[in-house]
Amino acid sequence: MRDIEFRGISIAYDSFIYGYYYENNDKSFIVTKKGNHIQVHKNSVGQYTGRKDTNNVKIYENDIVKFNKQATSI
């Protein structure tokens, strides 16, 4: 079974936040494993694809990866 995980860039911290995603009153949030609800930029949110790269790093929707020496978006 695939992990259900999202990431988005925090409005307050300007860095990626990981966890569960939801929207409320046209605002986007990620709930972290510690239970913190952090507002994120909606256009930065991507879901984990269930795949990892050759360095064992998780790949999220809209990531740009190289495949056969050619860059492509997932």
C-alpha atoms as a PDB file:
ATOM      1  CA  MET A   1       0.000   0.000   0.000  1.00  0.00           C
ATOM      2  CA  ARG A   2       1.215   3.499  -0.866  1.00  0.00           C
ATOM      3  CA  ASP A   3       1.777   6.136   1.817  1.00  0.00           C
ATOM      4  CA  ILE A   4      -0.687   9.036   1.586  1.00  0.00           C
ATOM      5  CA  GLU A   5       1.518  12.053   2.122  1.00  0.00           C
ATOM      6  CA  PHE A   6       1.609  15.598   0.823  1.00  0.00           C
ATOM      7  CA  ARG A   7       4.088  18.417   0.923  1.00  0.00           C
ATOM      8  CA  GLY A   8       3.681  22.131   0.415  1.00  0.00           C
ATOM      9  CA  ILE A   9       5.692  25.295   0.960  1.00  0.00           C
ATOM     10  CA  SER A  10       4.761  26.982   4.224  1.00  0.00           C
ATOM     11  CA  ILE A  11       3.643  30.602   4.019  1.00  0.00           C
ATOM     12  CA  ALA A  12       5.247  31.393   7.392  1.00  0.00           C
ATOM     13  CA  TYR A  13       8.515  29.430   7.073  1.00  0.00           C
ATOM     14  CA  ASP A  14       9.084  29.395   3.272  1.00  0.00           C
ATOM     15  CA  SER A  15      10.136  25.727   3.407  1.00  0.00           C
ATOM     16  CA  PHE A  16       8.496  22.392   2.618  1.00  0.00           C
ATOM     17  CA  ILE A  17       6.078  20.967   5.190  1.00  0.00           C
ATOM     18  CA  TYR A  18       5.088  17.276   5.041  1.00  0.00           C
ATOM     19  CA  GLY A  19       1.888  15.581   6.186  1.00  0.00           C
ATOM     20  CA  TYR A  20      -1.824  15.436   5.373  1.00  0.00           C
ATOM     21  CA  TYR A  21      -3.469  18.097   3.203  1.00  0.00           C
ATOM     22  CA  TYR A  22      -6.795  19.884   3.559  1.00  0.00           C
ATOM     23  CA  GLU A  23      -8.500  23.119   2.525  1.00  0.00           C
ATOM     24  CA  ASN A  24     -10.646  25.391   4.696  1.00  0.00           C
ATOM     25  CA  ASN A  25     -12.213  28.705   3.617  1.00  0.00           C
ATOM     26  CA  ASP A  26     -10.085  28.819   0.438  1.00  0.00           C
ATOM     27  CA  LYS A  27      -6.875  28.327   2.447  1.00  0.00           C
ATOM     28  CA  SER A  28      -4.604  25.296   2.156  1.00  0.00           C
ATOM     29  CA  PHE A  29      -3.081  23.491   5.137  1.00  0.00           C
ATOM     30  CA  ILE A  30      -0.758  20.594   5.896  1.00  0.00           C
ATOM     31  CA  VAL A  31      -1.200  18.720   9.173  1.00  0.00           C
ATOM     32  CA  THR A  32       2.193  17.494  10.383  1.00  0.00           C
ATOM     33  CA  LYS A  33       2.861  14.246  12.263  1.00  0.00           C
ATOM     34  CA  LYS A  34       2.972  16.333  15.459  1.00  0.00           C
ATOM     35  CA  GLY A  35      -0.551  17.606  14.724  1.00  0.00           C
ATOM     36  CA  ASN A  36       0.392  21.156  13.759  1.00  0.00           C
ATOM     37  CA  HIS A  37      -1.840  22.759  11.101  1.00  0.00           C
ATOM     38  CA  ILE A  38       0.414  24.878   8.895  1.00  0.00           C
ATOM     39  CA  GLN A  39      -0.853  27.076   6.066  1.00  0.00           C
ATOM     40  CA  VAL A  40       0.857  26.429   2.731  1.00  0.00           C
ATOM     41  CA  HIS A  41       0.825  27.948  -0.749  1.00  0.00           C
ATOM     42  CA  LYS A  42      -1.862  26.022  -2.663  1.00  0.00           C
ATOM     43  CA  ASN A  43       0.124  25.935  -5.920  1.00  0.00           C
ATOM     44  CA  SER A  44       3.085  24.300  -4.129  1.00  0.00           C
ATOM     45  CA  VAL A  45       1.178  21.241  -2.859  1.00  0.00           C
ATOM     46  CA  GLY A  46       2.073  17.843  -4.294  1.00  0.00           C
ATOM     47  CA  GLN A  47       1.176  14.283  -3.326  1.00  0.00           C
ATOM     48  CA  TYR A  48       3.783  11.554  -2.838  1.00  0.00           C
ATOM     49  CA  THR A  49       3.762   9.327  -5.929  1.00  0.00           C
ATOM     50  CA  GLY A  50       4.860   6.153  -4.164  1.00  0.00           C
ATOM     51  CA  ARG A  51       8.161   6.240  -6.041  1.00  0.00           C
ATOM     52  CA  LYS A  52      11.701   7.114  -4.983  1.00  0.00           C
ATOM     53  CA  ASP A  53      14.655   8.268  -7.065  1.00  0.00           C
ATOM     54  CA  THR A  54      18.020   6.544  -7.330  1.00  0.00           C
ATOM     55  CA  ASN A  55      19.104   8.316  -4.116  1.00  0.00           C
ATOM     56  CA  ASN A  56      16.070   6.876  -2.258  1.00  0.00           C
ATOM     57  CA  VAL A  57      14.404  10.330  -2.069  1.00  0.00           C
ATOM     58  CA  LYS A  58      10.598  10.438  -2.330  1.00  0.00           C
ATOM     59  CA  ILE A  59       9.166  11.827  -5.572  1.00  0.00           C
ATOM     60  CA  TYR A  60       6.110  14.113  -5.366  1.00  0.00           C
ATOM     61  CA  GLU A  61       3.691  15.341  -8.025  1.00  0.00           C
ATOM     62  CA  ASN A  62       5.177  18.159 -10.129  1.00  0.00           C
ATOM     63  CA  ASP A  63       8.764  17.231  -9.243  1.00  0.00           C
ATOM     64  CA  ILE A  64      11.206  17.476 -12.130  1.00  0.00           C
ATOM     65  CA  VAL A  65      13.334  14.372 -12.537  1.00  0.00           C
ATOM     66  CA  LYS A  66      15.878  13.184 -15.099  1.00  0.00           C
ATOM     67  CA  PHE A  67      15.004  10.004 -16.938  1.00  0.00           C
ATOM     68  CA  ASN A  68      17.496   8.703 -19.484  1.00  0.00           C
ATOM     69  CA  LYS A  69      19.347  12.043 -19.303  1.00  0.00           C
ATOM     70  CA  GLN A  70      16.192  13.988 -20.197  1.00  0.00           C
ATOM     71  CA  ALA A  71      14.352  16.177 -17.664  1.00  0.00           C
ATOM     72  CA  THR A  72      10.638  15.518 -17.290  1.00  0.00           C
ATOM     73  CA  SER A  73       7.888  16.553 -14.871  1.00  0.00           C
ATOM     74  CA  ILE A  74       5.924  13.976 -12.890  1.00  0.00           C
END
